mmCIF file of all heavy atoms, coordinates in Angstrom:
data_MODEL
# 
_entry.id   MODEL 
# 
loop_
_atom_site.group_PDB 
_atom_site.id 
_atom_site.type_symbol 
_atom_site.label_atom_id 
_atom_site.label_alt_id 
_atom_site.label_comp_id 
_atom_site.label_asym_id 
_atom_site.label_entity_id 
_atom_site.label_seq_id 
_atom_site.pdbx_PDB_ins_code 
_atom_site.Cartn_x 
_atom_site.Cartn_y 
_atom_site.Cartn_z 
_atom_site.occupancy 
_atom_site.B_iso_or_equiv 
_atom_site.pdbx_formal_charge 
_atom_site.auth_seq_id 
_atom_site.auth_comp_id 
_atom_site.auth_asym_id 
_atom_site.auth_atom_id 
_atom_site.pdbx_PDB_model_num 
ATOM 1   N N   . SER A 1 1  ? 8.522  -10.628 -48.044 1.00 0.00 ? 1  SER A N   1 
ATOM 2   C CA  . SER A 1 1  ? 8.388  -11.023 -49.499 1.00 0.00 ? 1  SER A CA  1 
ATOM 3   C C   . SER A 1 1  ? 8.785  -9.855  -50.457 1.00 0.00 ? 1  SER A C   1 
ATOM 4   O O   . SER A 1 1  ? 9.350  -9.995  -51.483 1.00 0.00 ? 1  SER A O   1 
ATOM 5   C CB  . SER A 1 1  ? 7.027  -11.569 -49.836 1.00 0.00 ? 1  SER A CB  1 
ATOM 6   O OG  . SER A 1 1  ? 6.705  -12.681 -49.055 1.00 0.00 ? 1  SER A OG  1 
ATOM 7   N N   . ASP A 1 2  ? 8.271  -8.658  -50.020 1.00 0.00 ? 2  ASP A N   1 
ATOM 8   C CA  . ASP A 1 2  ? 8.602  -7.449  -50.802 1.00 0.00 ? 2  ASP A CA  1 
ATOM 9   C C   . ASP A 1 2  ? 10.104 -7.120  -50.790 1.00 0.00 ? 2  ASP A C   1 
ATOM 10  O O   . ASP A 1 2  ? 10.679 -6.699  -51.761 1.00 0.00 ? 2  ASP A O   1 
ATOM 11  C CB  . ASP A 1 2  ? 7.767  -6.237  -50.231 1.00 0.00 ? 2  ASP A CB  1 
ATOM 12  C CG  . ASP A 1 2  ? 6.304  -6.380  -50.481 1.00 0.00 ? 2  ASP A CG  1 
ATOM 13  O OD1 . ASP A 1 2  ? 5.896  -7.193  -51.320 1.00 0.00 ? 2  ASP A OD1 1 
ATOM 14  O OD2 . ASP A 1 2  ? 5.563  -5.625  -49.852 1.00 0.00 ? 2  ASP A OD2 1 
ATOM 15  N N   . LEU A 1 3  ? 10.710 -7.333  -49.590 1.00 0.00 ? 3  LEU A N   1 
ATOM 16  C CA  . LEU A 1 3  ? 12.149 -6.977  -49.584 1.00 0.00 ? 3  LEU A CA  1 
ATOM 17  C C   . LEU A 1 3  ? 13.039 -7.942  -50.346 1.00 0.00 ? 3  LEU A C   1 
ATOM 18  O O   . LEU A 1 3  ? 14.063 -7.474  -50.842 1.00 0.00 ? 3  LEU A O   1 
ATOM 19  C CB  . LEU A 1 3  ? 12.602 -7.064  -48.056 1.00 0.00 ? 3  LEU A CB  1 
ATOM 20  C CG  . LEU A 1 3  ? 12.032 -5.913  -47.161 1.00 0.00 ? 3  LEU A CG  1 
ATOM 21  C CD1 . LEU A 1 3  ? 12.450 -6.184  -45.728 1.00 0.00 ? 3  LEU A CD1 1 
ATOM 22  C CD2 . LEU A 1 3  ? 12.501 -4.581  -47.565 1.00 0.00 ? 3  LEU A CD2 1 
ATOM 23  N N   . ILE A 1 4  ? 12.644 -9.141  -50.550 1.00 0.00 ? 4  ILE A N   1 
ATOM 24  C CA  . ILE A 1 4  ? 13.416 -10.092 -51.331 1.00 0.00 ? 4  ILE A CA  1 
ATOM 25  C C   . ILE A 1 4  ? 12.973 -10.232 -52.796 1.00 0.00 ? 4  ILE A C   1 
ATOM 26  O O   . ILE A 1 4  ? 13.574 -10.977 -53.566 1.00 0.00 ? 4  ILE A O   1 
ATOM 27  C CB  . ILE A 1 4  ? 13.427 -11.493 -50.701 1.00 0.00 ? 4  ILE A CB  1 
ATOM 28  C CG1 . ILE A 1 4  ? 12.057 -12.096 -50.656 1.00 0.00 ? 4  ILE A CG1 1 
ATOM 29  C CG2 . ILE A 1 4  ? 13.986 -11.402 -49.280 1.00 0.00 ? 4  ILE A CG2 1 
ATOM 30  C CD1 . ILE A 1 4  ? 11.982 -13.516 -50.053 1.00 0.00 ? 4  ILE A CD1 1 
ATOM 31  N N   . ASN A 1 5  ? 11.945 -9.462  -53.177 1.00 0.00 ? 5  ASN A N   1 
ATOM 32  C CA  . ASN A 1 5  ? 11.408 -9.514  -54.539 1.00 0.00 ? 5  ASN A CA  1 
ATOM 33  C C   . ASN A 1 5  ? 12.237 -8.595  -55.433 1.00 0.00 ? 5  ASN A C   1 
ATOM 34  O O   . ASN A 1 5  ? 12.303 -7.382  -55.067 1.00 0.00 ? 5  ASN A O   1 
ATOM 35  C CB  . ASN A 1 5  ? 9.957  -9.082  -54.573 1.00 0.00 ? 5  ASN A CB  1 
ATOM 36  C CG  . ASN A 1 5  ? 9.273  -9.348  -55.884 1.00 0.00 ? 5  ASN A CG  1 
ATOM 37  O OD1 . ASN A 1 5  ? 9.965  -9.575  -56.877 1.00 0.00 ? 5  ASN A OD1 1 
ATOM 38  N ND2 . ASN A 1 5  ? 7.931  -9.214  -55.945 1.00 0.00 ? 5  ASN A ND2 1 
ATOM 39  N N   . ASN A 1 6  ? 12.836 -9.122  -56.411 1.00 0.00 ? 6  ASN A N   1 
ATOM 40  C CA  . ASN A 1 6  ? 13.712 -8.300  -57.323 1.00 0.00 ? 6  ASN A CA  1 
ATOM 41  C C   . ASN A 1 6  ? 12.980 -7.525  -58.445 1.00 0.00 ? 6  ASN A C   1 
ATOM 42  O O   . ASN A 1 6  ? 13.508 -6.734  -59.099 1.00 0.00 ? 6  ASN A O   1 
ATOM 43  C CB  . ASN A 1 6  ? 14.721 -9.265  -57.981 1.00 0.00 ? 6  ASN A CB  1 
ATOM 44  C CG  . ASN A 1 6  ? 15.850 -8.409  -58.649 1.00 0.00 ? 6  ASN A CG  1 
ATOM 45  O OD1 . ASN A 1 6  ? 16.231 -7.396  -58.101 1.00 0.00 ? 6  ASN A OD1 1 
ATOM 46  N ND2 . ASN A 1 6  ? 16.261 -8.858  -59.769 1.00 0.00 ? 6  ASN A ND2 1 
ATOM 47  N N   . GLN A 1 7  ? 11.609 -7.839  -58.548 1.00 0.00 ? 7  GLN A N   1 
ATOM 48  C CA  . GLN A 1 7  ? 10.815 -7.207  -59.607 1.00 0.00 ? 7  GLN A CA  1 
ATOM 49  C C   . GLN A 1 7  ? 9.814  -6.216  -59.039 1.00 0.00 ? 7  GLN A C   1 
ATOM 50  O O   . GLN A 1 7  ? 9.029  -5.637  -59.853 1.00 0.00 ? 7  GLN A O   1 
ATOM 51  C CB  . GLN A 1 7  ? 10.102 -8.305  -60.377 1.00 0.00 ? 7  GLN A CB  1 
ATOM 52  C CG  . GLN A 1 7  ? 10.978 -9.380  -61.016 1.00 0.00 ? 7  GLN A CG  1 
ATOM 53  C CD  . GLN A 1 7  ? 11.938 -8.817  -61.946 1.00 0.00 ? 7  GLN A CD  1 
ATOM 54  O OE1 . GLN A 1 7  ? 11.641 -7.867  -62.669 1.00 0.00 ? 7  GLN A OE1 1 
ATOM 55  N NE2 . GLN A 1 7  ? 13.134 -9.373  -62.009 1.00 0.00 ? 7  GLN A NE2 1 
ATOM 56  N N   . LEU A 1 8  ? 9.841  -5.927  -57.809 1.00 0.00 ? 8  LEU A N   1 
ATOM 57  C CA  . LEU A 1 8  ? 8.792  -5.071  -57.208 1.00 0.00 ? 8  LEU A CA  1 
ATOM 58  C C   . LEU A 1 8  ? 9.138  -3.591  -57.587 1.00 0.00 ? 8  LEU A C   1 
ATOM 59  O O   . LEU A 1 8  ? 10.204 -3.220  -57.390 1.00 0.00 ? 8  LEU A O   1 
ATOM 60  C CB  . LEU A 1 8  ? 8.786  -5.254  -55.641 1.00 0.00 ? 8  LEU A CB  1 
ATOM 61  C CG  . LEU A 1 8  ? 7.524  -4.836  -54.876 1.00 0.00 ? 8  LEU A CG  1 
ATOM 62  C CD1 . LEU A 1 8  ? 6.378  -5.710  -55.290 1.00 0.00 ? 8  LEU A CD1 1 
ATOM 63  C CD2 . LEU A 1 8  ? 7.734  -4.868  -53.403 1.00 0.00 ? 8  LEU A CD2 1 
ATOM 64  N N   . PRO A 1 9  ? 8.037  -2.858  -57.866 1.00 0.00 ? 9  PRO A N   1 
ATOM 65  C CA  . PRO A 1 9  ? 8.234  -1.438  -58.146 1.00 0.00 ? 9  PRO A CA  1 
ATOM 66  C C   . PRO A 1 9  ? 8.389  -0.659  -56.829 1.00 0.00 ? 9  PRO A C   1 
ATOM 67  O O   . PRO A 1 9  ? 8.211  -1.156  -55.718 1.00 0.00 ? 9  PRO A O   1 
ATOM 68  C CB  . PRO A 1 9  ? 7.001  -0.974  -58.876 1.00 0.00 ? 9  PRO A CB  1 
ATOM 69  C CG  . PRO A 1 9  ? 5.886  -1.974  -58.375 1.00 0.00 ? 9  PRO A CG  1 
ATOM 70  C CD  . PRO A 1 9  ? 6.673  -3.272  -58.172 1.00 0.00 ? 9  PRO A CD  1 
ATOM 71  N N   . SER A 1 10 ? 8.838  0.651   -56.911 1.00 0.00 ? 10 SER A N   1 
ATOM 72  C CA  . SER A 1 10 ? 9.012  1.446   -55.780 1.00 0.00 ? 10 SER A CA  1 
ATOM 73  C C   . SER A 1 10 ? 7.623  1.664   -55.075 1.00 0.00 ? 10 SER A C   1 
ATOM 74  O O   . SER A 1 10 ? 6.692  2.033   -55.744 1.00 0.00 ? 10 SER A O   1 
ATOM 75  C CB  . SER A 1 10 ? 9.633  2.750   -56.190 1.00 0.00 ? 10 SER A CB  1 
ATOM 76  O OG  . SER A 1 10 ? 10.863 2.574   -56.691 1.00 0.00 ? 10 SER A OG  1 
ATOM 77  N N   . HIS A 1 11 ? 7.639  1.525   -53.803 1.00 0.00 ? 11 HIS A N   1 
ATOM 78  C CA  . HIS A 1 11 ? 6.360  1.793   -53.090 1.00 0.00 ? 11 HIS A CA  1 
ATOM 79  C C   . HIS A 1 11 ? 6.671  1.880   -51.607 1.00 0.00 ? 11 HIS A C   1 
ATOM 80  O O   . HIS A 1 11 ? 7.765  1.569   -51.146 1.00 0.00 ? 11 HIS A O   1 
ATOM 81  C CB  . HIS A 1 11 ? 5.383  0.665   -53.286 1.00 0.00 ? 11 HIS A CB  1 
ATOM 82  C CG  . HIS A 1 11 ? 5.618  -0.640  -52.546 1.00 0.00 ? 11 HIS A CG  1 
ATOM 83  N ND1 . HIS A 1 11 ? 6.589  -1.496  -52.945 1.00 0.00 ? 11 HIS A ND1 1 
ATOM 84  C CD2 . HIS A 1 11 ? 5.103  -1.088  -51.427 1.00 0.00 ? 11 HIS A CD2 1 
ATOM 85  C CE1 . HIS A 1 11 ? 6.627  -2.475  -52.123 1.00 0.00 ? 11 HIS A CE1 1 
ATOM 86  N NE2 . HIS A 1 11 ? 5.742  -2.309  -51.116 1.00 0.00 ? 11 HIS A NE2 1 
ATOM 87  N N   . PHE A 1 12 ? 5.754  2.390   -50.884 1.00 0.00 ? 12 PHE A N   1 
ATOM 88  C CA  . PHE A 1 12 ? 5.844  2.642   -49.440 1.00 0.00 ? 12 PHE A CA  1 
ATOM 89  C C   . PHE A 1 12 ? 4.659  1.966   -48.673 1.00 0.00 ? 12 PHE A C   1 
ATOM 90  O O   . PHE A 1 12 ? 3.517  1.982   -49.188 1.00 0.00 ? 12 PHE A O   1 
ATOM 91  C CB  . PHE A 1 12 ? 5.813  4.149   -49.108 1.00 0.00 ? 12 PHE A CB  1 
ATOM 92  C CG  . PHE A 1 12 ? 5.863  4.504   -47.625 1.00 0.00 ? 12 PHE A CG  1 
ATOM 93  C CD1 . PHE A 1 12 ? 6.933  4.394   -46.845 1.00 0.00 ? 12 PHE A CD1 1 
ATOM 94  C CD2 . PHE A 1 12 ? 4.661  4.893   -47.039 1.00 0.00 ? 12 PHE A CD2 1 
ATOM 95  C CE1 . PHE A 1 12 ? 6.905  4.680   -45.519 1.00 0.00 ? 12 PHE A CE1 1 
ATOM 96  C CE2 . PHE A 1 12 ? 4.584  5.243   -45.721 1.00 0.00 ? 12 PHE A CE2 1 
ATOM 97  C CZ  . PHE A 1 12 ? 5.742  5.095   -44.910 1.00 0.00 ? 12 PHE A CZ  1 
ATOM 98  N N   . ASP A 1 13 ? 4.986  1.446   -47.483 1.00 0.00 ? 13 ASP A N   1 
ATOM 99  C CA  . ASP A 1 13 ? 3.980  0.828   -46.637 1.00 0.00 ? 13 ASP A CA  1 
ATOM 100 C C   . ASP A 1 13 ? 4.424  0.995   -45.204 1.00 0.00 ? 13 ASP A C   1 
ATOM 101 O O   . ASP A 1 13 ? 5.540  1.370   -44.944 1.00 0.00 ? 13 ASP A O   1 
ATOM 102 C CB  . ASP A 1 13 ? 3.748  -0.620  -47.001 1.00 0.00 ? 13 ASP A CB  1 
ATOM 103 C CG  . ASP A 1 13 ? 2.393  -1.080  -46.508 1.00 0.00 ? 13 ASP A CG  1 
ATOM 104 O OD1 . ASP A 1 13 ? 1.646  -0.335  -45.927 1.00 0.00 ? 13 ASP A OD1 1 
ATOM 105 O OD2 . ASP A 1 13 ? 2.084  -2.352  -46.670 1.00 0.00 ? 13 ASP A OD2 1 
ATOM 106 N N   . TYR A 1 14 ? 3.511  0.836   -44.269 1.00 0.00 ? 14 TYR A N   1 
ATOM 107 C CA  . TYR A 1 14 ? 3.861  1.124   -42.859 1.00 0.00 ? 14 TYR A CA  1 
ATOM 108 C C   . TYR A 1 14 ? 3.012  0.214   -41.961 1.00 0.00 ? 14 TYR A C   1 
ATOM 109 O O   . TYR A 1 14 ? 1.909  -0.295  -42.325 1.00 0.00 ? 14 TYR A O   1 
ATOM 110 C CB  . TYR A 1 14 ? 3.698  2.599   -42.516 1.00 0.00 ? 14 TYR A CB  1 
ATOM 111 C CG  . TYR A 1 14 ? 2.284  3.049   -42.532 1.00 0.00 ? 14 TYR A CG  1 
ATOM 112 C CD1 . TYR A 1 14 ? 1.429  3.025   -41.511 1.00 0.00 ? 14 TYR A CD1 1 
ATOM 113 C CD2 . TYR A 1 14 ? 1.736  3.530   -43.863 1.00 0.00 ? 14 TYR A CD2 1 
ATOM 114 C CE1 . TYR A 1 14 ? 0.100  3.476   -41.540 1.00 0.00 ? 14 TYR A CE1 1 
ATOM 115 C CE2 . TYR A 1 14 ? 0.411  3.977   -43.935 1.00 0.00 ? 14 TYR A CE2 1 
ATOM 116 C CZ  . TYR A 1 14 ? -0.386 3.975   -42.778 1.00 0.00 ? 14 TYR A CZ  1 
ATOM 117 O OH  . TYR A 1 14 ? -1.703 4.365   -42.880 1.00 0.00 ? 14 TYR A OH  1 
ATOM 118 N N   . THR A 1 15 ? 3.484  0.033   -40.732 1.00 0.00 ? 15 THR A N   1 
ATOM 119 C CA  . THR A 1 15 ? 2.832  -0.521  -39.637 1.00 0.00 ? 15 THR A CA  1 
ATOM 120 C C   . THR A 1 15 ? 2.883  0.378   -38.438 1.00 0.00 ? 15 THR A C   1 
ATOM 121 O O   . THR A 1 15 ? 3.495  1.418   -38.585 1.00 0.00 ? 15 THR A O   1 
ATOM 122 C CB  . THR A 1 15 ? 3.356  -1.925  -39.345 1.00 0.00 ? 15 THR A CB  1 
ATOM 123 O OG1 . THR A 1 15 ? 4.744  -1.812  -38.827 1.00 0.00 ? 15 THR A OG1 1 
ATOM 124 C CG2 . THR A 1 15 ? 3.377  -2.822  -40.518 1.00 0.00 ? 15 THR A CG2 1 
ATOM 125 N N   . SER A 1 16 ? 2.367  -0.033  -37.246 1.00 0.00 ? 16 SER A N   1 
ATOM 126 C CA  . SER A 1 16 ? 2.390  0.840   -36.164 1.00 0.00 ? 16 SER A CA  1 
ATOM 127 C C   . SER A 1 16 ? 3.818  0.796   -35.504 1.00 0.00 ? 16 SER A C   1 
ATOM 128 O O   . SER A 1 16 ? 4.074  1.613   -34.640 1.00 0.00 ? 16 SER A O   1 
ATOM 129 C CB  . SER A 1 16 ? 1.329  0.325   -35.120 1.00 0.00 ? 16 SER A CB  1 
ATOM 130 O OG  . SER A 1 16 ? 1.556  -1.019  -34.740 1.00 0.00 ? 16 SER A OG  1 
ATOM 131 N N   . TRP A 1 17 ? 4.705  -0.153  -35.926 1.00 0.00 ? 17 TRP A N   1 
ATOM 132 C CA  . TRP A 1 17 ? 5.951  -0.253  -35.316 1.00 0.00 ? 17 TRP A CA  1 
ATOM 133 C C   . TRP A 1 17 ? 7.153  -0.081  -36.235 1.00 0.00 ? 17 TRP A C   1 
ATOM 134 O O   . TRP A 1 17 ? 8.291  0.044   -35.845 1.00 0.00 ? 17 TRP A O   1 
ATOM 135 C CB  . TRP A 1 17 ? 6.140  -1.588  -34.529 1.00 0.00 ? 17 TRP A CB  1 
ATOM 136 C CG  . TRP A 1 17 ? 6.025  -2.838  -35.364 1.00 0.00 ? 17 TRP A CG  1 
ATOM 137 C CD1 . TRP A 1 17 ? 7.053  -3.559  -35.889 1.00 0.00 ? 17 TRP A CD1 1 
ATOM 138 C CD2 . TRP A 1 17 ? 4.814  -3.486  -35.675 1.00 0.00 ? 17 TRP A CD2 1 
ATOM 139 N NE1 . TRP A 1 17 ? 6.576  -4.595  -36.617 1.00 0.00 ? 17 TRP A NE1 1 
ATOM 140 C CE2 . TRP A 1 17 ? 5.256  -4.667  -36.510 1.00 0.00 ? 17 TRP A CE2 1 
ATOM 141 C CE3 . TRP A 1 17 ? 3.480  -3.309  -35.377 1.00 0.00 ? 17 TRP A CE3 1 
ATOM 142 C CZ2 . TRP A 1 17 ? 4.249  -5.538  -36.979 1.00 0.00 ? 17 TRP A CZ2 1 
ATOM 143 C CZ3 . TRP A 1 17 ? 2.582  -4.165  -35.927 1.00 0.00 ? 17 TRP A CZ3 1 
ATOM 144 C CH2 . TRP A 1 17 ? 2.932  -5.276  -36.694 1.00 0.00 ? 17 TRP A CH2 1 
ATOM 145 N N   . TYR A 1 18 ? 6.980  0.071   -37.590 1.00 0.00 ? 18 TYR A N   1 
ATOM 146 C CA  . TYR A 1 18 ? 8.013  0.282   -38.439 1.00 0.00 ? 18 TYR A CA  1 
ATOM 147 C C   . TYR A 1 18 ? 7.444  0.833   -39.793 1.00 0.00 ? 18 TYR A C   1 
ATOM 148 O O   . TYR A 1 18 ? 6.186  0.599   -40.117 1.00 0.00 ? 18 TYR A O   1 
ATOM 149 C CB  . TYR A 1 18 ? 8.909  -0.870  -38.680 1.00 0.00 ? 18 TYR A CB  1 
ATOM 150 C CG  . TYR A 1 18 ? 8.292  -2.080  -39.482 1.00 0.00 ? 18 TYR A CG  1 
ATOM 151 C CD1 . TYR A 1 18 ? 8.342  -2.070  -40.920 1.00 0.00 ? 18 TYR A CD1 1 
ATOM 152 C CD2 . TYR A 1 18 ? 7.625  -3.037  -38.844 1.00 0.00 ? 18 TYR A CD2 1 
ATOM 153 C CE1 . TYR A 1 18 ? 7.835  -3.059  -41.656 1.00 0.00 ? 18 TYR A CE1 1 
ATOM 154 C CE2 . TYR A 1 18 ? 7.018  -4.118  -39.579 1.00 0.00 ? 18 TYR A CE2 1 
ATOM 155 C CZ  . TYR A 1 18 ? 7.177  -4.065  -40.976 1.00 0.00 ? 18 TYR A CZ  1 
ATOM 156 O OH  . TYR A 1 18 ? 6.610  -5.098  -41.672 1.00 0.00 ? 18 TYR A OH  1 
ATOM 157 N N   . ASP A 1 19 ? 8.254  1.468   -40.585 1.00 0.00 ? 19 ASP A N   1 
ATOM 158 C CA  . ASP A 1 19 ? 7.881  1.857   -41.976 1.00 0.00 ? 19 ASP A CA  1 
ATOM 159 C C   . ASP A 1 19 ? 8.669  1.062   -42.956 1.00 0.00 ? 19 ASP A C   1 
ATOM 160 O O   . ASP A 1 19 ? 9.831  0.713   -42.707 1.00 0.00 ? 19 ASP A O   1 
ATOM 161 C CB  . ASP A 1 19 ? 8.154  3.357   -42.125 1.00 0.00 ? 19 ASP A CB  1 
ATOM 162 C CG  . ASP A 1 19 ? 7.230  4.249   -41.305 1.00 0.00 ? 19 ASP A CG  1 
ATOM 163 O OD1 . ASP A 1 19 ? 6.100  3.780   -41.044 1.00 0.00 ? 19 ASP A OD1 1 
ATOM 164 O OD2 . ASP A 1 19 ? 7.781  5.327   -40.860 1.00 0.00 ? 19 ASP A OD2 1 
ATOM 165 N N   . MET A 1 20 ? 8.133  0.730   -44.121 1.00 0.00 ? 20 MET A N   1 
ATOM 166 C CA  . MET A 1 20 ? 8.816  0.008   -45.097 1.00 0.00 ? 20 MET A CA  1 
ATOM 167 C C   . MET A 1 20 ? 8.770  0.701   -46.442 1.00 0.00 ? 20 MET A C   1 
ATOM 168 O O   . MET A 1 20 ? 7.764  1.111   -46.957 1.00 0.00 ? 20 MET A O   1 
ATOM 169 C CB  . MET A 1 20 ? 8.113  -1.436  -45.213 1.00 0.00 ? 20 MET A CB  1 
ATOM 170 C CG  . MET A 1 20 ? 9.060  -2.501  -45.902 1.00 0.00 ? 20 MET A CG  1 
ATOM 171 S SD  . MET A 1 20 ? 9.019  -2.542  -47.686 1.00 0.00 ? 20 MET A SD  1 
ATOM 172 C CE  . MET A 1 20 ? 7.302  -3.055  -47.916 1.00 0.00 ? 20 MET A CE  1 
ATOM 173 N N   . LEU A 1 21 ? 9.967  0.932   -47.038 1.00 0.00 ? 21 LEU A N   1 
ATOM 174 C CA  . LEU A 1 21 ? 10.083 1.567   -48.323 1.00 0.00 ? 21 LEU A CA  1 
ATOM 175 C C   . LEU A 1 21 ? 10.899 0.706   -49.241 1.00 0.00 ? 21 LEU A C   1 
ATOM 176 O O   . LEU A 1 21 ? 12.003 0.164   -48.857 1.00 0.00 ? 21 LEU A O   1 
ATOM 177 C CB  . LEU A 1 21 ? 10.814 2.929   -48.138 1.00 0.00 ? 21 LEU A CB  1 
ATOM 178 C CG  . LEU A 1 21 ? 11.090 3.664   -49.415 1.00 0.00 ? 21 LEU A CG  1 
ATOM 179 C CD1 . LEU A 1 21 ? 9.793  4.170   -50.025 1.00 0.00 ? 21 LEU A CD1 1 
ATOM 180 C CD2 . LEU A 1 21 ? 12.046 4.858   -49.149 1.00 0.00 ? 21 LEU A CD2 1 
ATOM 181 N N   . VAL A 1 22 ? 10.416 0.471   -50.464 1.00 0.00 ? 22 VAL A N   1 
ATOM 182 C CA  . VAL A 1 22 ? 11.184 -0.163  -51.523 1.00 0.00 ? 22 VAL A CA  1 
ATOM 183 C C   . VAL A 1 22 ? 11.407 0.863   -52.565 1.00 0.00 ? 22 VAL A C   1 
ATOM 184 O O   . VAL A 1 22 ? 10.466 1.510   -53.112 1.00 0.00 ? 22 VAL A O   1 
ATOM 185 C CB  . VAL A 1 22 ? 10.337 -1.346  -52.128 1.00 0.00 ? 22 VAL A CB  1 
ATOM 186 C CG1 . VAL A 1 22 ? 11.055 -1.944  -53.345 1.00 0.00 ? 22 VAL A CG1 1 
ATOM 187 C CG2 . VAL A 1 22 ? 10.140 -2.451  -51.042 1.00 0.00 ? 22 VAL A CG2 1 
ATOM 188 N N   . PHE A 1 23 ? 12.688 1.045   -52.936 1.00 0.00 ? 23 PHE A N   1 
ATOM 189 C CA  . PHE A 1 23 ? 13.046 2.111   -53.880 1.00 0.00 ? 23 PHE A CA  1 
ATOM 190 C C   . PHE A 1 23 ? 13.940 1.578   -54.939 1.00 0.00 ? 23 PHE A C   1 
ATOM 191 O O   . PHE A 1 23 ? 14.979 1.009   -54.606 1.00 0.00 ? 23 PHE A O   1 
ATOM 192 C CB  . PHE A 1 23 ? 13.823 3.244   -53.103 1.00 0.00 ? 23 PHE A CB  1 
ATOM 193 C CG  . PHE A 1 23 ? 13.877 4.527   -53.757 1.00 0.00 ? 23 PHE A CG  1 
ATOM 194 C CD1 . PHE A 1 23 ? 12.921 5.474   -53.778 1.00 0.00 ? 23 PHE A CD1 1 
ATOM 195 C CD2 . PHE A 1 23 ? 15.027 4.799   -54.560 1.00 0.00 ? 23 PHE A CD2 1 
ATOM 196 C CE1 . PHE A 1 23 ? 12.957 6.677   -54.456 1.00 0.00 ? 23 PHE A CE1 1 
ATOM 197 C CE2 . PHE A 1 23 ? 15.095 5.994   -55.226 1.00 0.00 ? 23 PHE A CE2 1 
ATOM 198 C CZ  . PHE A 1 23 ? 14.127 6.886   -55.181 1.00 0.00 ? 23 PHE A CZ  1 
ATOM 199 N N   . ARG A 1 24 ? 13.501 1.681   -56.144 1.00 0.00 ? 24 ARG A N   1 
ATOM 200 C CA  . ARG A 1 24 ? 14.362 1.206   -57.318 1.00 0.00 ? 24 ARG A CA  1 
ATOM 201 C C   . ARG A 1 24 ? 15.386 2.209   -57.594 1.00 0.00 ? 24 ARG A C   1 
ATOM 202 O O   . ARG A 1 24 ? 15.126 3.371   -57.927 1.00 0.00 ? 24 ARG A O   1 
ATOM 203 C CB  . ARG A 1 24 ? 13.475 0.922   -58.489 1.00 0.00 ? 24 ARG A CB  1 
ATOM 204 C CG  . ARG A 1 24 ? 12.417 -0.201  -58.237 1.00 0.00 ? 24 ARG A CG  1 
ATOM 205 C CD  . ARG A 1 24 ? 11.731 -0.571  -59.487 1.00 0.00 ? 24 ARG A CD  1 
ATOM 206 N NE  . ARG A 1 24 ? 12.627 -1.426  -60.314 1.00 0.00 ? 24 ARG A NE  1 
ATOM 207 C CZ  . ARG A 1 24 ? 12.563 -2.792  -60.309 1.00 0.00 ? 24 ARG A CZ  1 
ATOM 208 N NH1 . ARG A 1 24 ? 11.822 -3.421  -59.426 1.00 0.00 ? 24 ARG A NH1 1 
ATOM 209 N NH2 . ARG A 1 24 ? 13.452 -3.486  -61.009 1.00 0.00 ? 24 ARG A NH2 1 
ATOM 210 N N   . ARG A 1 25 ? 16.664 1.711   -57.679 1.00 0.00 ? 25 ARG A N   1 
ATOM 211 C CA  . ARG A 1 25 ? 17.789 2.620   -58.017 1.00 0.00 ? 25 ARG A CA  1 
ATOM 212 C C   . ARG A 1 25 ? 17.941 2.810   -59.518 1.00 0.00 ? 25 ARG A C   1 
ATOM 213 O O   . ARG A 1 25 ? 17.344 2.013   -60.257 1.00 0.00 ? 25 ARG A O   1 
ATOM 214 C CB  . ARG A 1 25 ? 19.071 1.972   -57.444 1.00 0.00 ? 25 ARG A CB  1 
ATOM 215 C CG  . ARG A 1 25 ? 19.379 0.665   -58.088 1.00 0.00 ? 25 ARG A CG  1 
ATOM 216 C CD  . ARG A 1 25 ? 20.725 0.051   -57.575 1.00 0.00 ? 25 ARG A CD  1 
ATOM 217 N NE  . ARG A 1 25 ? 21.052 -1.167  -58.360 1.00 0.00 ? 25 ARG A NE  1 
ATOM 218 C CZ  . ARG A 1 25 ? 22.214 -1.743  -58.196 1.00 0.00 ? 25 ARG A CZ  1 
ATOM 219 N NH1 . ARG A 1 25 ? 23.100 -1.285  -57.326 1.00 0.00 ? 25 ARG A NH1 1 
ATOM 220 N NH2 . ARG A 1 25 ? 22.478 -2.886  -58.867 1.00 0.00 ? 25 ARG A NH2 1 
ATOM 221 N N   . LEU A 1 26 ? 18.578 3.874   -59.845 1.00 0.00 ? 26 LEU A N   1 
ATOM 222 C CA  . LEU A 1 26 ? 18.894 4.081   -61.312 1.00 0.00 ? 26 LEU A CA  1 
ATOM 223 C C   . LEU A 1 26 ? 20.439 4.162   -61.405 1.00 0.00 ? 26 LEU A C   1 
ATOM 224 O O   . LEU A 1 26 ? 21.088 5.133   -61.005 1.00 0.00 ? 26 LEU A O   1 
ATOM 225 C CB  . LEU A 1 26 ? 18.306 5.431   -61.797 1.00 0.00 ? 26 LEU A CB  1 
ATOM 226 C CG  . LEU A 1 26 ? 16.847 5.500   -61.812 1.00 0.00 ? 26 LEU A CG  1 
ATOM 227 C CD1 . LEU A 1 26 ? 16.283 6.866   -62.155 1.00 0.00 ? 26 LEU A CD1 1 
ATOM 228 C CD2 . LEU A 1 26 ? 16.215 4.521   -62.766 1.00 0.00 ? 26 LEU A CD2 1 
# 
């Protein structure tokens, strides 16, 4: 849901098998 959300701010999260980063471009 975070990956397909167009309004989500930049943030970082992780699990034991992958890391997830959402980064807003300028």
